[in-house]
PDB file of all heavy atoms in Angstrom:
ATOM      1  N   GLU A   1      50.991 -31.362  33.576  1.00  0.00           N
ATOM      2  CA  GLU A   1      52.243 -30.718  34.065  1.00  0.00           C
ATOM      3  C   GLU A   1      53.025 -30.000  32.972  1.00  0.00           C
ATOM      4  O   GLU A   1      53.547 -28.879  33.191  1.00  0.00           O
ATOM      5  CB  GLU A   1      53.081 -31.815  34.697  1.00  0.00           C
ATOM      6  CG  GLU A   1      54.346 -31.294  35.352  1.00  0.00           C
ATOM      7  CD  GLU A   1      54.091 -30.310  36.476  1.00  0.00           C
ATOM      8  OE1 GLU A   1      53.045 -30.430  37.118  1.00  0.00           O
ATOM      9  OE2 GLU A   1      54.960 -29.440  36.789  1.00  0.00           O
ATOM     10  N   LEU A   2      53.069 -30.618  31.761  1.00  0.00           N
ATOM     11  CA  LEU A   2      53.823 -29.992  30.677  1.00  0.00           C
ATOM     12  C   LEU A   2      53.136 -28.608  30.259  1.00  0.00           C
ATOM     13  O   LEU A   2      53.820 -27.690  30.039  1.00  0.00           O
ATOM     14  CB  LEU A   2      53.901 -30.899  29.489  1.00  0.00           C
ATOM     15  CG  LEU A   2      54.607 -30.285  28.240  1.00  0.00           C
ATOM     16  CD1 LEU A   2      55.986 -29.920  28.562  1.00  0.00           C
ATOM     17  CD2 LEU A   2      54.575 -31.334  27.056  1.00  0.00           C
ATOM     18  N   THR A   3      51.798 -28.703  30.211  1.00  0.00           N
ATOM     19  CA  THR A   3      51.060 -27.459  29.821  1.00  0.00           C
ATOM     20  C   THR A   3      51.297 -26.423  30.875  1.00  0.00           C
ATOM     21  O   THR A   3      51.467 -25.231  30.553  1.00  0.00           O
ATOM     22  CB  THR A   3      49.626 -27.780  29.669  1.00  0.00           C
ATOM     23  OG1 THR A   3      49.389 -28.889  28.753  1.00  0.00           O
ATOM     24  CG2 THR A   3      48.844 -26.563  29.099  1.00  0.00           C
ATOM     25  N   ARG A   4      51.245 -26.755  32.128  1.00  0.00           N
ATOM     26  CA  ARG A   4      51.470 -25.857  33.243  1.00  0.00           C
ATOM     27  C   ARG A   4      52.835 -25.180  33.076  1.00  0.00           C
ATOM     28  O   ARG A   4      52.982 -23.932  33.232  1.00  0.00           O
ATOM     29  CB  ARG A   4      51.315 -26.577  34.546  1.00  0.00           C
ATOM     30  CG  ARG A   4      51.349 -25.645  35.800  1.00  0.00           C
ATOM     31  CD  ARG A   4      51.249 -26.404  37.113  1.00  0.00           C
ATOM     32  NE  ARG A   4      49.937 -26.948  37.274  1.00  0.00           N
ATOM     33  CZ  ARG A   4      49.635 -28.214  37.207  1.00  0.00           C
ATOM     34  NH1 ARG A   4      50.589 -29.108  36.906  1.00  0.00           N
ATOM     35  NH2 ARG A   4      48.450 -28.693  37.414  1.00  0.00           N
ATOM     36  N   LYS A   5      53.858 -25.969  32.793  1.00  0.00           N
ATOM     37  CA  LYS A   5      55.197 -25.445  32.682  1.00  0.00           C
ATOM     38  C   LYS A   5      55.350 -24.467  31.483  1.00  0.00           C
ATOM     39  O   LYS A   5      56.183 -23.597  31.445  1.00  0.00           O
ATOM     40  CB  LYS A   5      56.166 -26.534  32.559  1.00  0.00           C
ATOM     41  CG  LYS A   5      56.377 -27.329  33.833  1.00  0.00           C
ATOM     42  CD  LYS A   5      57.362 -28.470  33.677  1.00  0.00           C
ATOM     43  CE  LYS A   5      57.588 -29.265  34.960  1.00  0.00           C
ATOM     44  NZ  LYS A   5      58.512 -30.341  34.795  1.00  0.00           N
ATOM     45  N   LYS A   6      54.488 -24.688  30.450  1.00  0.00           N
ATOM     46  CA  LYS A   6      54.520 -23.890  29.228  1.00  0.00           C
ATOM     47  C   LYS A   6      53.955 -22.487  29.442  1.00  0.00           C
ATOM     48  O   LYS A   6      54.131 -21.555  28.641  1.00  0.00           O
ATOM     49  CB  LYS A   6      53.860 -24.534  28.096  1.00  0.00           C
ATOM     50  CG  LYS A   6      54.568 -25.790  27.520  1.00  0.00           C
ATOM     51  CD  LYS A   6      55.693 -25.349  26.648  1.00  0.00           C
ATOM     52  CE  LYS A   6      56.427 -26.573  26.018  1.00  0.00           C
ATOM     53  NZ  LYS A   6      57.589 -26.177  25.174  1.00  0.00           N
ATOM     54  N   CYS A   7      53.153 -22.318  30.513  1.00  0.00           N
ATOM     55  CA  CYS A   7      52.427 -21.046  30.746  1.00  0.00           C
ATOM     56  C   CYS A   7      53.412 -20.055  31.310  1.00  0.00           C
ATOM     57  O   CYS A   7      54.375 -20.365  32.056  1.00  0.00           O
ATOM     58  CB  CYS A   7      51.266 -21.232  31.692  1.00  0.00           C
ATOM     59  SG  CYS A   7      49.921 -22.251  31.033  1.00  0.00           S
ATOM     60  N   ASP A   8      53.169 -18.810  30.976  1.00  0.00           N
ATOM     61  CA  ASP A   8      54.049 -17.653  31.546  1.00  0.00           C
ATOM     62  C   ASP A   8      53.631 -17.442  32.997  1.00  0.00           C
ATOM     63  O   ASP A   8      54.511 -17.116  33.793  1.00  0.00           O
ATOM     64  CB  ASP A   8      53.882 -16.464  30.653  1.00  0.00           C
ATOM     65  CG  ASP A   8      54.394 -16.641  29.277  1.00  0.00           C
ATOM     66  OD1 ASP A   8      55.508 -17.040  29.103  1.00  0.00           O
ATOM     67  OD2 ASP A   8      53.622 -16.419  28.332  1.00  0.00           O
ATOM     68  N   PHE A   9      52.385 -17.457  33.295  1.00  0.00           N
ATOM     69  CA  PHE A   9      51.839 -17.258  34.581  1.00  0.00           C
ATOM     70  C   PHE A   9      50.682 -18.137  34.870  1.00  0.00           C
ATOM     71  O   PHE A   9      50.004 -18.591  33.975  1.00  0.00           O
ATOM     72  CB  PHE A   9      51.379 -15.762  34.720  1.00  0.00           C
ATOM     73  CG  PHE A   9      52.391 -14.735  34.581  1.00  0.00           C
ATOM     74  CD1 PHE A   9      52.559 -14.106  33.367  1.00  0.00           C
ATOM     75  CD2 PHE A   9      53.253 -14.422  35.688  1.00  0.00           C
ATOM     76  CE1 PHE A   9      53.613 -13.167  33.238  1.00  0.00           C
ATOM     77  CE2 PHE A   9      54.224 -13.465  35.534  1.00  0.00           C
ATOM     78  CZ  PHE A   9      54.413 -12.864  34.328  1.00  0.00           C
ATOM     79  N   LEU A  10      50.493 -18.479  36.161  1.00  0.00           N
ATOM     80  CA  LEU A  10      49.356 -19.255  36.572  1.00  0.00           C
ATOM     81  C   LEU A  10      48.547 -18.457  37.556  1.00  0.00           C
ATOM     82  O   LEU A  10      49.098 -17.825  38.443  1.00  0.00           O
ATOM     83  CB  LEU A  10      49.790 -20.577  37.273  1.00  0.00           C
ATOM     84  CG  LEU A  10      50.581 -21.563  36.454  1.00  0.00           C
ATOM     85  CD1 LEU A  10      51.100 -22.706  37.255  1.00  0.00           C
ATOM     86  CD2 LEU A  10      49.766 -22.122  35.320  1.00  0.00           C
ATOM     87  N   VAL A  11      47.221 -18.419  37.411  1.00  0.00           N
ATOM     88  CA  VAL A  11      46.347 -17.696  38.343  1.00  0.00           C
ATOM     89  C   VAL A  11      45.157 -18.603  38.699  1.00  0.00           C
ATOM     90  O   VAL A  11      44.787 -19.478  37.870  1.00  0.00           O
ATOM     91  CB  VAL A  11      45.815 -16.390  37.719  1.00  0.00           C
ATOM     92  CG1 VAL A  11      47.067 -15.429  37.472  1.00  0.00           C
ATOM     93  CG2 VAL A  11      45.092 -16.588  36.444  1.00  0.00           C
ATOM     94  N   ARG A  12      44.548 -18.302  39.842  1.00  0.00           N
ATOM     95  CA  ARG A  12      43.351 -19.031  40.189  1.00  0.00           C
ATOM     96  C   ARG A  12      42.221 -18.085  40.210  1.00  0.00           C
ATOM     97  O   ARG A  12      42.441 -16.844  40.315  1.00  0.00           O
ATOM     98  CB  ARG A  12      43.511 -19.650  41.615  1.00  0.00           C
ATOM     99  CG  ARG A  12      43.519 -18.655  42.753  1.00  0.00           C
ATOM    100  CD  ARG A  12      43.582 -19.211  44.077  1.00  0.00           C
ATOM    101  NE  ARG A  12      43.420 -18.303  45.131  1.00  0.00           N
ATOM    102  CZ  ARG A  12      44.314 -17.492  45.618  1.00  0.00           C
ATOM    103  NH1 ARG A  12      45.578 -17.548  45.166  1.00  0.00           N
ATOM    104  NH2 ARG A  12      44.043 -16.609  46.615  1.00  0.00           N
ATOM    105  N   ILE A  13      40.986 -18.554  40.042  1.00  0.00           N
ATOM    106  CA  ILE A  13      39.875 -17.678  39.944  1.00  0.00           C
ATOM    107  C   ILE A  13      39.221 -17.473  41.309  1.00  0.00           C
ATOM    108  O   ILE A  13      38.854 -16.371  41.688  1.00  0.00           O
ATOM    109  CB  ILE A  13      38.783 -18.232  38.929  1.00  0.00           C
ATOM    110  CG1 ILE A  13      39.366 -18.131  37.566  1.00  0.00           C
ATOM    111  CG2 ILE A  13      37.459 -17.495  39.113  1.00  0.00           C
ATOM    112  CD1 ILE A  13      38.407 -18.564  36.466  1.00  0.00           C
ATOM    113  N   CYS A  14      39.170 -18.550  42.138  1.00  0.00           N
ATOM    114  CA  CYS A  14      38.580 -18.429  43.460  1.00  0.00           C
ATOM    115  C   CYS A  14      39.183 -19.553  44.251  1.00  0.00           C
ATOM    116  O   CYS A  14      39.980 -20.410  43.854  1.00  0.00           O
ATOM    117  CB  CYS A  14      37.072 -18.549  43.355  1.00  0.00           C
ATOM    118  SG  CYS A  14      36.515 -20.080  42.605  1.00  0.00           S
ATOM    119  N   ALA A  15      38.852 -19.549  45.527  1.00  0.00           N
ATOM    120  CA  ALA A  15      39.335 -20.516  46.495  1.00  0.00           C
ATOM    121  C   ALA A  15      38.833 -21.933  46.157  1.00  0.00           C
ATOM    122  O   ALA A  15      39.538 -22.925  46.379  1.00  0.00           O
ATOM    123  CB  ALA A  15      38.989 -20.194  47.915  1.00  0.00           C
ATOM    124  N   GLY A  16      37.630 -22.025  45.646  1.00  0.00           N
ATOM    125  CA  GLY A  16      37.072 -23.346  45.293  1.00  0.00           C
ATOM    126  C   GLY A  16      37.363 -23.641  43.854  1.00  0.00           C
ATOM    127  O   GLY A  16      38.386 -23.303  43.279  1.00  0.00           O
ATOM    128  N   SER A  17      36.428 -24.307  43.190  1.00  0.00           N
ATOM    129  CA  SER A  17      36.582 -24.625  41.799  1.00  0.00           C
ATOM    130  C   SER A  17      35.344 -24.252  41.033  1.00  0.00           C
ATOM    131  O   SER A  17      34.256 -24.214  41.605  1.00  0.00           O
ATOM    132  CB  SER A  17      36.871 -26.162  41.602  1.00  0.00           C
ATOM    133  OG  SER A  17      35.788 -26.926  42.156  1.00  0.00           O
ATOM    134  N   LEU A  18      35.517 -23.933  39.755  1.00  0.00           N
ATOM    135  CA  LEU A  18      34.425 -23.598  38.901  1.00  0.00           C
ATOM    136  C   LEU A  18      34.423 -24.618  37.699  1.00  0.00           C
ATOM    137  O   LEU A  18      35.440 -25.200  37.297  1.00  0.00           O
ATOM    138  CB  LEU A  18      34.557 -22.193  38.297  1.00  0.00           C
ATOM    139  CG  LEU A  18      34.336 -21.036  39.206  1.00  0.00           C
ATOM    140  CD1 LEU A  18      34.613 -19.735  38.420  1.00  0.00           C
ATOM    141  CD2 LEU A  18      32.874 -21.014  39.722  1.00  0.00           C
ATOM    142  N   ASN A  19      33.238 -24.818  37.185  1.00  0.00           N
ATOM    143  CA  ASN A  19      33.104 -25.523  35.876  1.00  0.00           C
ATOM    144  C   ASN A  19      34.010 -24.859  34.855  1.00  0.00           C
ATOM    145  O   ASN A  19      34.156 -23.647  34.882  1.00  0.00           O
ATOM    146  CB  ASN A  19      31.671 -25.592  35.404  1.00  0.00           C
ATOM    147  CG  ASN A  19      31.499 -26.104  34.057  1.00  0.00           C
ATOM    148  OD1 ASN A  19      31.725 -25.424  33.066  1.00  0.00           O
ATOM    149  ND2 ASN A  19      31.128 -27.380  33.947  1.00  0.00           N
ATOM    150  N   VAL A  20      34.688 -25.656  33.974  1.00  0.00           N
ATOM    151  CA  VAL A  20      35.676 -25.109  33.119  1.00  0.00           C
ATOM    152  C   VAL A  20      35.046 -24.034  32.133  1.00  0.00           C
ATOM    153  O   VAL A  20      35.718 -23.017  31.835  1.00  0.00           O
ATOM    154  CB  VAL A  20      36.369 -26.204  32.284  1.00  0.00           C
ATOM    155  CG1 VAL A  20      35.358 -26.932  31.363  1.00  0.00           C
ATOM    156  CG2 VAL A  20      37.525 -25.670  31.497  1.00  0.00           C
ATOM    157  N   SER A  21      33.779 -24.175  31.758  1.00  0.00           N
ATOM    158  CA  SER A  21      33.200 -23.203  30.896  1.00  0.00           C
ATOM    159  C   SER A  21      32.936 -21.896  31.664  1.00  0.00           C
ATOM    160  O   SER A  21      33.110 -20.789  31.068  1.00  0.00           O
ATOM    161  CB  SER A  21      31.902 -23.738  30.257  1.00  0.00           C
ATOM    162  OG  SER A  21      30.932 -24.042  31.228  1.00  0.00           O
ATOM    163  N   ASN A  22      32.594 -22.029  32.921  1.00  0.00           N
ATOM    164  CA  ASN A  22      32.366 -20.821  33.711  1.00  0.00           C
ATOM    165  C   ASN A  22      33.677 -20.095  33.959  1.00  0.00           C
ATOM    166  O   ASN A  22      33.787 -18.881  33.941  1.00  0.00           O
ATOM    167  CB  ASN A  22      31.697 -21.168  35.043  1.00  0.00           C
ATOM    168  CG  ASN A  22      30.308 -21.644  34.897  1.00  0.00           C
ATOM    169  OD1 ASN A  22      29.637 -21.291  34.005  1.00  0.00           O
ATOM    170  ND2 ASN A  22      29.875 -22.505  35.847  1.00  0.00           N
ATOM    171  N   ALA A  23      34.793 -20.926  34.173  1.00  0.00           N
ATOM    172  CA  ALA A  23      36.053 -20.337  34.407  1.00  0.00           C
ATOM    173  C   ALA A  23      36.532 -19.534  33.166  1.00  0.00           C
ATOM    174  O   ALA A  23      37.128 -18.491  33.275  1.00  0.00           O
ATOM    175  CB  ALA A  23      37.066 -21.419  34.787  1.00  0.00           C
ATOM    176  N   ALA A  24      36.273 -20.112  31.993  1.00  0.00           N
ATOM    177  CA  ALA A  24      36.617 -19.389  30.759  1.00  0.00           C
ATOM    178  C   ALA A  24      35.919 -18.089  30.652  1.00  0.00           C
ATOM    179  O   ALA A  24      36.550 -17.039  30.289  1.00  0.00           O
ATOM    180  CB  ALA A  24      36.294 -20.264  29.561  1.00  0.00           C
ATOM    181  N   ALA A  25      34.647 -18.084  30.942  1.00  0.00           N
ATOM    182  CA  ALA A  25      33.843 -16.804  30.869  1.00  0.00           C
ATOM    183  C   ALA A  25      34.366 -15.775  31.874  1.00  0.00           C
ATOM    184  O   ALA A  25      34.504 -14.617  31.531  1.00  0.00           O
ATOM    185  CB  ALA A  25      32.394 -17.146  31.090  1.00  0.00           C
ATOM    186  N   VAL A  26      34.672 -16.206  33.099  1.00  0.00           N
ATOM    187  CA  VAL A  26      35.143 -15.266  34.105  1.00  0.00           C
ATOM    188  C   VAL A  26      36.515 -14.687  33.688  1.00  0.00           C
ATOM    189  O   VAL A  26      36.737 -13.474  33.765  1.00  0.00           O
ATOM    190  CB  VAL A  26      35.221 -15.986  35.457  1.00  0.00           C
ATOM    191  CG1 VAL A  26      35.979 -15.094  36.518  1.00  0.00           C
ATOM    192  CG2 VAL A  26      33.863 -16.310  35.966  1.00  0.00           C
ATOM    193  N   ALA A  27      37.379 -15.536  33.182  1.00  0.00           N
ATOM    194  CA  ALA A  27      38.728 -15.060  32.791  1.00  0.00           C
ATOM    195  C   ALA A  27      38.612 -14.139  31.588  1.00  0.00           C
ATOM    196  O   ALA A  27      39.340 -13.058  31.540  1.00  0.00           O
ATOM    197  CB  ALA A  27      39.638 -16.255  32.414  1.00  0.00           C
ATOM    198  N   LEU A  28      37.827 -14.385  30.613  1.00  0.00           N
ATOM    199  CA  LEU A  28      37.688 -13.553  29.438  1.00  0.00           C
ATOM    200  C   LEU A  28      37.082 -12.211  29.842  1.00  0.00           C
ATOM    201  O   LEU A  28      37.464 -11.137  29.332  1.00  0.00           O
ATOM    202  CB  LEU A  28      36.798 -14.198  28.341  1.00  0.00           C
ATOM    203  CG  LEU A  28      37.432 -15.352  27.599  1.00  0.00           C
ATOM    204  CD1 LEU A  28      36.443 -16.139  26.797  1.00  0.00           C
ATOM    205  CD2 LEU A  28      38.563 -14.851  26.670  1.00  0.00           C
ATOM    206  N   PHE A  29      36.159 -12.280  30.821  1.00  0.00           N
ATOM    207  CA  PHE A  29      35.556 -10.987  31.292  1.00  0.00           C
ATOM    208  C   PHE A  29      36.658 -10.170  31.984  1.00  0.00           C
ATOM    209  O   PHE A  29      36.710  -8.951  31.824  1.00  0.00           O
ATOM    210  CB  PHE A  29      34.419 -11.266  32.215  1.00  0.00           C
ATOM    211  CG  PHE A  29      33.816  -9.973  32.814  1.00  0.00           C
ATOM    212  CD1 PHE A  29      32.882  -9.292  32.068  1.00  0.00           C
ATOM    213  CD2 PHE A  29      34.087  -9.576  34.160  1.00  0.00           C
ATOM    214  CE1 PHE A  29      32.311  -8.097  32.616  1.00  0.00           C
ATOM    215  CE2 PHE A  29      33.552  -8.486  34.639  1.00  0.00           C
ATOM    216  CZ  PHE A  29      32.691  -7.711  33.921  1.00  0.00           C
ATOM    217  N   ALA A  30      37.483 -10.795  32.768  1.00  0.00           N
ATOM    218  CA  ALA A  30      38.527 -10.064  33.530  1.00  0.00           C
ATOM    219  C   ALA A  30      39.509  -9.452  32.562  1.00  0.00           C
ATOM    220  O   ALA A  30      40.101  -8.398  32.875  1.00  0.00           O
ATOM    221  CB  ALA A  30      39.269 -11.054  34.460  1.00  0.00           C
ATOM    222  N   LEU A  31      39.674 -10.020  31.419  1.00  0.00           N
ATOM    223  CA  LEU A  31      40.667  -9.486  30.404  1.00  0.00           C
ATOM    224  C   LEU A  31      40.096  -8.307  29.630  1.00  0.00           C
ATOM    225  O   LEU A  31      40.811  -7.574  28.979  1.00  0.00           O
ATOM    226  CB  LEU A  31      41.066 -10.579  29.416  1.00  0.00           C
ATOM    227  CG  LEU A  31      42.046 -11.656  29.951  1.00  0.00           C
ATOM    228  CD1 LEU A  31      42.144 -12.768  28.932  1.00  0.00           C
ATOM    229  CD2 LEU A  31      43.352 -11.006  30.225  1.00  0.00           C
ATOM    230  N   ARG A  32      38.805  -8.116  29.731  1.00  0.00           N
ATOM    231  CA  ARG A  32      38.171  -7.089  28.874  1.00  0.00           C
ATOM    232  C   ARG A  32      38.766  -5.725  29.076  1.00  0.00           C
ATOM    233  O   ARG A  32      38.890  -4.935  28.184  1.00  0.00           O
ATOM    234  CB  ARG A  32      36.666  -7.044  29.176  1.00  0.00           C
ATOM    235  CG  ARG A  32      35.799  -7.788  28.191  1.00  0.00           C
ATOM    236  CD  ARG A  32      34.373  -7.572  28.415  1.00  0.00           C
ATOM    237  NE  ARG A  32      33.792  -6.891  27.229  1.00  0.00           N
ATOM    238  CZ  ARG A  32      32.466  -6.614  27.154  1.00  0.00           C
ATOM    239  NH1 ARG A  32      31.669  -7.011  28.185  1.00  0.00           N
ATOM    240  NH2 ARG A  32      32.045  -5.989  26.128  1.00  0.00           N
ATOM    241  N   GLY A  33      39.058  -5.359  30.369  1.00  0.00           N
ATOM    242  CA  GLY A  33      39.506  -4.047  30.664  1.00  0.00           C
ATOM    243  C   GLY A  33      40.971  -3.851  30.509  1.00  0.00           C
ATOM    244  O   GLY A  33      41.502  -2.734  30.825  1.00  0.00           O
TER     245      GLY A  33
END
């Protein structure tokens, strides 16, 4: 909860859930452009 409050924005990747390492890769790819 504290970490969540420290974030400027919260986003989800998909309706379900991904393994944390897969989520990191998807988010880093999305930031590339």
